[in-house]
Amino acid sequence: MSPSLNSAESLTGTQKVALVLMQMERAQASEVLRHFSEFEADEVIAEIVRLRRVDRNIAEEVMTEVFAAITSGAPLARGGRDFAAGLLNDTYGSEQADAVMNRLASSMAGKSFDFLEAVDAQHIAVLLDDELPQTVALVLAHLKPDMASAVLAGVEPDRRADVATCLATMGPAAPDAVRTVADVLRTRMGAAAAPSEPMSAVGGIDPLVEIINRSSVAVERELLDSLSVKDQELAEEVKSRMLTFADLVRFDPRDVQRVLRGIDPSSLALALKGAPENVAGVARENITERTREILDHEMRTLGPVRMSQVDDARADIVRVIRELEHEGAITIQRVEEEDTLVV
C-alpha cells in the first residue's frame, strides 16, 4: 500500500531520493543508482515499490527542493514493483535484480508476522501442526527465509511436500486472510495486537527455493524427492531455480573445469555477457589459455545481444552442472557447509 503523503515535508530523505529517481528515465536513474551502496540501493528500491505513483504537486515540491527549479510539465512519478524491477535490471543485470527484489519481497512480506521473529522455530512448527498446508505455506511466505527453513524442517516429513506445493503455487493473499491467520497465532502465543494493515503474503517458487536453499541437505533431498512424486513438473522447476550460472563461484576449481570443459567458447561468451566480475573471473581462471584467447575474441566481437540469448546460454551451462552433480562428478557447496559465501 502506498504511504499517505500530504506534502513533501512528510517524506523521508530516502523517499525523496526514490521520488527523484521515479521522475527520471530508467537509463538515467540507473546511472544514479550505481553510485549507491547495496544497502542504500535496497532502501531506495523499497520506497519506489511502496510509493508507486505520487501526486504531481508533491513531486514538484520535492524536485524544487532538490534541483531548486522544475519545469511545469514534469511527468507524474512512476513507481511500483515493475518500475523498481526494471531499474534494478538496467543497473545490475537480471540475476542481481531478481535477488534484490526477492530479498525485498521477503522483507516487506514479513511485517504481518514480525511478532514471530523472537519465537523458536520449533515452537512455531508445533503451533502449525494441525493447520492446513495452505495455512502453513501462508505463514512461511511471511517469514524470513532462514526462519522459514527452520520451521519447515520442523513440519512432519509427510506434510512438507504439500506445504511446499502450496507455497510454490500461492499468489498474493487477501489482507483479511493474512490478518486472521496472524491473529490466531498471536492469540495462541499471547502476543501484542496486530498492525492495522498487514501486508499480503508473497508466495511462489522463488521464496520456496530460498527456503530450501537454507535447509539442511537431508531436508532438501527428502523434500525434493517427495515433490518429485507429488508433482514432477513442479519439482523440476524448483530444482532448476536452485542452481544459477552464478553458482560457479561455489565450486572447487577442478569442478569448474569439469563444467566448462565441454562448453563452446562462443556459448560461454554469451553466458558471461553482463555477468558479475567474480563469476567471470572464476570462469576465465579455469579454462585453458587457448580457450581463453578464443573467449576474449568472441567477447570482443559479440556486440549487443538479447537477454534471452544470454539466459539460454546460461541455462545450457546450468544443465551441465545439474547433470554432473547428479552423476556425482561434482559437488555444490551448500550454505550450511561453507564459512563464507561469495555472491
Protein backbone atom coordinates (compact mmCIF):
# COMPACT_ATOMS: atom_id res chain seq x y z
CA MET A 1 0.00 0.00 0.00
CA SER A 2 1.35 3.44 -0.85
CA PRO A 3 2.09 5.62 2.17
CA SER A 4 -0.22 8.55 2.87
CA LEU A 5 1.55 11.67 1.60
CA ASN A 6 0.20 15.15 2.27
CA SER A 7 3.28 17.22 1.38
CA ALA A 8 6.96 16.99 0.61
CA GLU A 9 7.67 17.61 4.29
CA SER A 10 6.00 14.30 5.14
CA LEU A 11 8.58 12.39 3.08
CA THR A 12 11.77 10.92 4.49
CA GLY A 13 15.10 11.57 2.79
CA THR A 14 15.06 8.10 1.27
CA GLN A 15 11.55 8.63 -0.08
CA LYS A 16 12.65 11.89 -1.69
CA VAL A 17 15.57 10.17 -3.39
CA ALA A 18 13.18 7.46 -4.61
CA LEU A 19 10.76 10.07 -5.94
CA VAL A 20 13.51 11.89 -7.84
CA LEU A 21 14.60 8.62 -9.47
CA MET A 22 10.98 7.91 -10.36
CA GLN A 23 10.90 11.20 -12.32
CA MET A 24 13.87 10.19 -14.45
CA GLU A 25 14.12 7.96 -17.46
CA ARG A 26 15.19 4.48 -16.40
CA ALA A 27 18.62 4.76 -18.03
CA GLN A 28 19.37 7.99 -16.15
CA ALA A 29 18.02 6.64 -12.86
CA SER A 30 20.12 3.52 -13.32
CA GLU A 31 23.29 5.60 -13.63
CA VAL A 32 22.44 7.41 -10.38
CA LEU A 33 21.66 4.17 -8.57
CA ARG A 34 25.07 2.75 -9.48
CA HIS A 35 26.67 5.27 -7.10
CA PHE A 36 24.72 3.94 -4.08
CA SER A 37 25.91 1.18 -1.78
CA GLU A 38 23.93 -2.09 -1.90
CA PHE A 39 22.23 -1.19 1.40
CA GLU A 40 21.29 2.29 0.15
CA ALA A 41 20.01 0.86 -3.13
CA ASP A 42 17.84 -1.65 -1.25
CA GLU A 43 16.31 1.14 0.85
CA VAL A 44 15.59 3.34 -2.18
CA ILE A 45 14.13 0.47 -4.21
CA ALA A 46 11.86 -0.45 -1.28
CA GLU A 47 10.49 3.10 -1.29
CA ILE A 48 9.97 3.04 -5.07
CA VAL A 49 7.89 -0.12 -4.65
CA ARG A 50 5.85 1.46 -1.85
CA LEU A 51 5.31 4.87 -3.45
CA ARG A 52 4.09 3.62 -6.85
CA ARG A 53 2.54 6.91 -8.08
CA VAL A 54 2.77 10.27 -6.33
CA ASP A 55 0.65 13.38 -6.69
CA ARG A 56 2.17 15.85 -9.16
CA ASN A 57 2.17 18.70 -6.62
CA ILE A 58 4.19 16.69 -4.11
CA ALA A 59 6.55 15.57 -6.85
CA GLU A 60 7.10 19.20 -7.86
CA GLU A 61 7.75 20.19 -4.25
CA VAL A 62 10.45 17.58 -3.97
CA MET A 63 12.01 18.36 -7.33
CA THR A 64 12.05 22.06 -6.43
CA GLU A 65 13.74 21.26 -3.14
CA VAL A 66 16.36 19.02 -4.79
CA PHE A 67 17.03 20.90 -8.01
CA ALA A 68 15.80 24.38 -6.98
CA ALA A 69 13.69 24.58 -10.13
CA ILE A 70 11.48 22.32 -12.22
CA THR A 71 9.60 22.76 -15.46
CA SER A 72 5.82 22.94 -15.17
CA GLY A 73 5.35 19.96 -17.49
CA ALA A 74 7.11 17.44 -15.27
CA PRO A 75 5.69 13.92 -15.66
CA LEU A 76 3.91 12.11 -12.92
CA ALA A 77 6.13 9.93 -10.75
CA ARG A 78 6.32 6.33 -11.88
CA GLY A 79 6.89 3.80 -9.17
CA GLY A 80 5.74 0.35 -8.15
CA ARG A 81 7.24 -3.11 -8.45
CA ASP A 82 7.56 -3.10 -12.26
CA PHE A 83 9.47 0.20 -12.36
CA ALA A 84 11.70 -0.90 -9.47
CA ALA A 85 12.44 -4.27 -11.08
CA GLY A 86 13.22 -2.64 -14.42
CA LEU A 87 15.50 -0.07 -12.79
CA LEU A 88 17.41 -2.81 -10.95
CA ASN A 89 17.70 -4.88 -14.11
CA ASP A 90 19.18 -1.92 -16.01
CA THR A 91 21.59 -1.18 -13.17
CA TYR A 92 22.79 -4.59 -12.01
CA GLY A 93 21.58 -7.17 -14.54
CA SER A 94 18.77 -9.70 -14.28
CA GLU A 95 20.30 -12.09 -11.72
CA GLN A 96 21.15 -9.46 -9.11
CA ALA A 97 17.87 -7.63 -9.81
CA ASP A 98 15.93 -10.82 -9.05
CA ALA A 99 17.94 -11.33 -5.87
CA VAL A 100 17.23 -7.79 -4.63
CA MET A 101 13.52 -7.98 -5.47
CA ASN A 102 13.23 -11.39 -3.77
CA ARG A 103 15.04 -10.04 -0.71
CA LEU A 104 12.74 -7.02 -0.73
CA ALA A 105 9.65 -9.21 -1.11
CA SER A 106 10.70 -11.30 1.88
CA SER A 107 11.37 -8.16 3.92
CA MET A 108 8.07 -6.48 3.05
CA ALA A 109 6.07 -9.69 3.50
CA GLY A 110 7.46 -10.29 6.97
CA LYS A 111 5.72 -7.28 8.56
CA SER A 112 2.48 -9.13 9.34
CA PHE A 113 4.24 -11.85 11.32
CA ASP A 114 7.11 -9.86 12.81
CA PHE A 115 5.93 -10.91 16.28
CA LEU A 116 7.27 -14.40 15.44
CA GLU A 117 10.85 -13.20 14.96
CA ALA A 118 11.85 -13.92 18.56
CA VAL A 119 9.97 -17.24 18.73
CA ASP A 120 11.79 -20.56 18.44
CA ALA A 121 11.23 -22.13 15.01
CA GLN A 122 10.29 -25.50 16.54
CA HIS A 123 7.62 -23.76 18.65
CA ILE A 124 6.14 -22.20 15.51
CA ALA A 125 6.13 -25.61 13.81
CA VAL A 126 4.23 -27.05 16.77
CA LEU A 127 1.68 -24.20 16.60
CA LEU A 128 1.11 -25.03 12.93
CA ASP A 129 0.97 -28.78 13.43
CA ASP A 130 -2.79 -29.07 12.98
CA GLU A 131 -3.15 -26.36 10.34
CA LEU A 132 -3.88 -26.97 6.67
CA PRO A 133 -0.85 -26.97 4.33
CA GLN A 134 -2.19 -23.75 2.77
CA THR A 135 -2.08 -22.05 6.17
CA VAL A 136 1.43 -23.26 6.92
CA ALA A 137 2.55 -22.03 3.50
CA LEU A 138 0.98 -18.63 4.18
CA VAL A 139 2.99 -18.28 7.38
CA LEU A 140 6.23 -19.45 5.74
CA ALA A 141 5.77 -16.87 2.98
CA HIS A 142 5.75 -14.13 5.62
CA LEU A 143 8.85 -15.33 7.48
CA LYS A 144 12.43 -14.54 6.62
CA PRO A 145 13.99 -17.40 4.62
CA ASP A 146 16.30 -18.54 7.44
CA MET A 147 13.42 -18.77 9.92
CA ALA A 148 11.09 -20.31 7.32
CA SER A 149 13.57 -23.08 6.52
CA ALA A 150 13.92 -23.89 10.22
CA VAL A 151 10.13 -24.02 10.61
CA LEU A 152 9.80 -26.21 7.50
CA ALA A 153 12.35 -28.62 8.98
CA GLY A 154 10.03 -28.96 11.99
CA VAL A 155 6.99 -29.85 9.86
CA GLU A 156 6.20 -33.55 9.69
CA PRO A 157 8.05 -35.06 6.70
CA ASP A 158 4.88 -36.43 5.13
CA ARG A 159 3.39 -32.90 5.06
CA ARG A 160 6.40 -31.00 3.71
CA ALA A 161 5.70 -31.69 0.05
CA ASP A 162 2.10 -30.48 0.42
CA VAL A 163 3.27 -27.32 2.18
CA ALA A 164 5.96 -26.72 -0.45
CA THR A 165 3.44 -27.19 -3.28
CA CYS A 166 1.05 -24.69 -1.68
CA LEU A 167 3.85 -22.18 -1.22
CA ALA A 168 5.08 -22.54 -4.80
CA THR A 169 1.60 -22.10 -6.30
CA MET A 170 0.34 -19.41 -3.93
CA GLY A 171 -0.40 -15.90 -5.13
CA PRO A 172 -0.92 -12.76 -3.03
CA ALA A 173 -3.26 -13.49 -0.12
CA ALA A 174 -6.21 -11.30 0.80
CA PRO A 175 -5.39 -8.96 3.72
CA ASP A 176 -8.32 -10.37 5.72
CA ALA A 177 -6.92 -13.90 5.38
CA VAL A 178 -3.47 -12.77 6.46
CA ARG A 179 -4.94 -10.85 9.39
CA THR A 180 -7.00 -13.84 10.51
CA VAL A 181 -4.06 -16.26 10.50
CA ALA A 182 -1.77 -13.74 12.22
CA ASP A 183 -4.42 -13.02 14.87
CA VAL A 184 -4.93 -16.71 15.60
CA LEU A 185 -1.21 -17.31 16.09
CA ARG A 186 -0.86 -14.14 18.13
CA THR A 187 -3.75 -15.17 20.36
CA ARG A 188 -2.21 -18.60 20.91
CA MET A 189 1.05 -17.01 21.90
CA GLY A 190 -0.42 -14.13 23.88
CA ALA A 191 1.44 -11.59 21.72
CA ALA A 192 0.61 -7.92 21.25
CA ALA A 193 -2.11 -6.65 18.94
CA ALA A 194 -1.57 -6.83 15.20
CA PRO A 195 -0.81 -3.87 12.95
CA SER A 196 -3.97 -2.48 11.34
CA GLU A 197 -2.83 -3.09 7.76
CA PRO A 198 -0.96 -6.42 7.34
CA MET A 199 0.88 -6.98 4.08
CA SER A 200 -0.20 -9.67 1.65
CA ALA A 201 1.88 -12.83 1.57
CA VAL A 202 4.37 -13.21 -1.25
CA GLY A 203 4.31 -16.84 -2.29
CA GLY A 204 5.62 -18.67 -5.31
CA ILE A 205 8.57 -20.79 -6.35
CA ASP A 206 11.26 -18.19 -5.63
CA PRO A 207 10.59 -17.95 -1.86
CA LEU A 208 10.28 -21.75 -1.74
CA VAL A 209 13.72 -22.05 -3.36
CA GLU A 210 15.17 -19.57 -0.85
CA ILE A 211 13.75 -21.65 1.99
CA ILE A 212 15.04 -24.94 0.58
CA ASN A 213 18.48 -23.45 -0.11
CA ARG A 214 18.73 -22.62 3.59
CA SER A 215 17.56 -26.04 4.74
CA SER A 216 19.84 -28.92 5.67
CA VAL A 217 20.97 -31.18 2.84
CA ALA A 218 18.88 -34.01 4.33
CA VAL A 219 15.70 -31.91 4.39
CA GLU A 220 16.42 -30.62 0.88
CA ARG A 221 16.81 -34.12 -0.58
CA GLU A 222 13.78 -35.51 1.26
CA LEU A 223 11.58 -32.60 0.19
CA LEU A 224 12.67 -32.71 -3.44
CA ASP A 225 12.12 -36.47 -3.55
CA SER A 226 8.62 -36.02 -2.12
CA LEU A 227 7.87 -33.19 -4.54
CA SER A 228 9.01 -35.35 -7.46
CA VAL A 229 6.45 -37.98 -6.51
CA LYS A 230 3.68 -35.44 -5.95
CA ASP A 231 4.34 -33.08 -8.87
CA GLN A 232 7.27 -33.91 -11.15
CA GLU A 233 6.96 -30.71 -13.18
CA LEU A 234 6.96 -28.52 -10.08
CA ALA A 235 9.92 -30.43 -8.64
CA GLU A 236 11.92 -29.87 -11.83
CA GLU A 237 11.08 -26.17 -11.81
CA VAL A 238 12.24 -25.88 -8.19
CA LYS A 239 15.45 -27.78 -8.97
CA SER A 240 16.17 -25.58 -11.98
CA ARG A 241 15.91 -22.44 -9.85
CA MET A 242 18.10 -23.86 -7.12
CA LEU A 243 21.08 -23.58 -9.44
CA THR A 244 22.15 -20.50 -11.38
CA PHE A 245 25.06 -19.65 -13.60
CA ALA A 246 26.47 -17.60 -10.70
CA ASP A 247 26.83 -20.82 -8.70
CA LEU A 248 30.14 -21.38 -10.48
CA VAL A 249 31.75 -19.43 -7.64
CA ARG A 250 30.68 -22.17 -5.20
CA PHE A 251 32.74 -24.88 -6.86
CA ASP A 252 36.22 -26.17 -6.36
CA PRO A 253 38.37 -25.06 -9.36
CA ARG A 254 38.58 -28.66 -10.59
CA ASP A 255 34.80 -28.87 -10.66
CA VAL A 256 34.57 -25.58 -12.56
CA GLN A 257 36.99 -27.05 -15.09
CA ARG A 258 34.77 -30.14 -15.45
CA VAL A 259 31.71 -27.95 -16.04
CA LEU A 260 33.36 -25.70 -18.64
CA ARG A 261 35.35 -28.39 -20.41
CA GLY A 262 32.66 -29.12 -22.98
CA ILE A 263 31.24 -25.60 -23.29
CA ASP A 264 31.83 -23.89 -26.63
CA PRO A 265 33.69 -20.54 -26.18
CA SER A 266 31.01 -18.69 -28.16
CA SER A 267 28.33 -20.01 -25.82
CA LEU A 268 30.45 -19.16 -22.78
CA ALA A 269 30.97 -15.63 -24.15
CA LEU A 270 27.19 -15.20 -24.31
CA ALA A 271 26.77 -16.54 -20.77
CA LEU A 272 29.40 -14.13 -19.44
CA LYS A 273 27.74 -11.10 -21.04
CA GLY A 274 26.88 -8.83 -18.11
CA ALA A 275 27.91 -11.45 -15.52
CA PRO A 276 29.33 -10.30 -12.15
CA GLU A 277 33.10 -9.86 -12.14
CA ASN A 278 33.68 -12.68 -9.65
CA VAL A 279 31.76 -15.14 -11.83
CA ALA A 280 33.60 -14.08 -14.97
CA GLY A 281 36.90 -14.33 -13.08
CA VAL A 282 36.20 -17.88 -11.93
CA ALA A 283 35.27 -18.91 -15.46
CA ARG A 284 38.38 -17.35 -17.05
CA GLU A 285 40.72 -18.84 -14.43
CA ASN A 286 39.51 -22.37 -15.12
CA ILE A 287 39.77 -22.69 -18.88
CA THR A 288 42.88 -23.34 -20.97
CA GLU A 289 44.96 -20.47 -22.29
CA ARG A 290 43.91 -21.26 -25.86
CA THR A 291 40.23 -21.34 -24.90
CA ARG A 292 40.71 -18.03 -23.05
CA GLU A 293 42.13 -16.46 -26.21
CA ILE A 294 39.14 -17.67 -28.23
CA LEU A 295 36.78 -16.48 -25.49
CA ASP A 296 38.35 -13.00 -25.46
CA HIS A 297 37.98 -12.79 -29.25
CA GLU A 298 34.34 -13.89 -29.05
CA MET A 299 33.56 -11.32 -26.35
CA ARG A 300 35.26 -8.50 -28.30
CA THR A 301 33.24 -9.26 -31.42
CA LEU A 302 29.98 -10.18 -29.69
CA GLY A 303 28.29 -6.78 -29.69
CA PRO A 304 24.77 -6.19 -28.29
CA VAL A 305 22.72 -9.34 -27.70
CA ARG A 306 19.23 -10.08 -26.47
CA MET A 307 18.90 -11.01 -22.81
CA SER A 308 17.05 -14.14 -23.88
CA GLN A 309 20.21 -15.32 -25.68
CA VAL A 310 22.26 -14.76 -22.53
CA ASP A 311 19.68 -16.61 -20.42
CA ASP A 312 19.66 -19.55 -22.87
CA ALA A 313 23.46 -19.81 -22.80
CA ARG A 314 23.49 -19.73 -19.02
CA ALA A 315 20.71 -22.32 -18.87
CA ASP A 316 22.81 -24.68 -21.01
CA ILE A 317 25.67 -24.42 -18.51
CA VAL A 318 23.29 -24.92 -15.59
CA ARG A 319 22.06 -28.12 -17.23
CA VAL A 320 25.65 -29.34 -17.42
CA ILE A 321 26.10 -28.51 -13.71
CA ARG A 322 22.96 -30.43 -12.77
CA GLU A 323 23.93 -33.44 -14.85
CA LEU A 324 27.43 -33.60 -13.36
CA GLU A 325 26.07 -33.17 -9.84
CA HIS A 326 23.52 -35.92 -10.42
CA GLU A 327 26.31 -38.21 -11.60
CA GLY A 328 28.33 -37.37 -8.51
CA ALA A 329 31.13 -35.90 -10.60
CA ILE A 330 30.93 -32.52 -8.86
CA THR A 331 29.59 -31.24 -5.54
CA ILE A 332 27.88 -27.92 -4.97
CA GLN A 333 28.90 -26.23 -1.73
CA ARG A 334 25.74 -25.83 0.32
CA VAL A 335 25.12 -22.83 2.55
CA GLU A 336 25.48 -24.93 5.71
CA GLU A 337 28.84 -26.31 4.54
CA GLU A 338 30.60 -23.04 3.82
CA ASP A 339 32.27 -20.47 6.04
CA THR A 340 31.85 -17.56 3.67
CA LEU A 341 29.69 -17.46 0.54
CA VAL A 342 30.75 -15.09 -2.22
CA VAL A 343 27.68 -13.97 -4.13
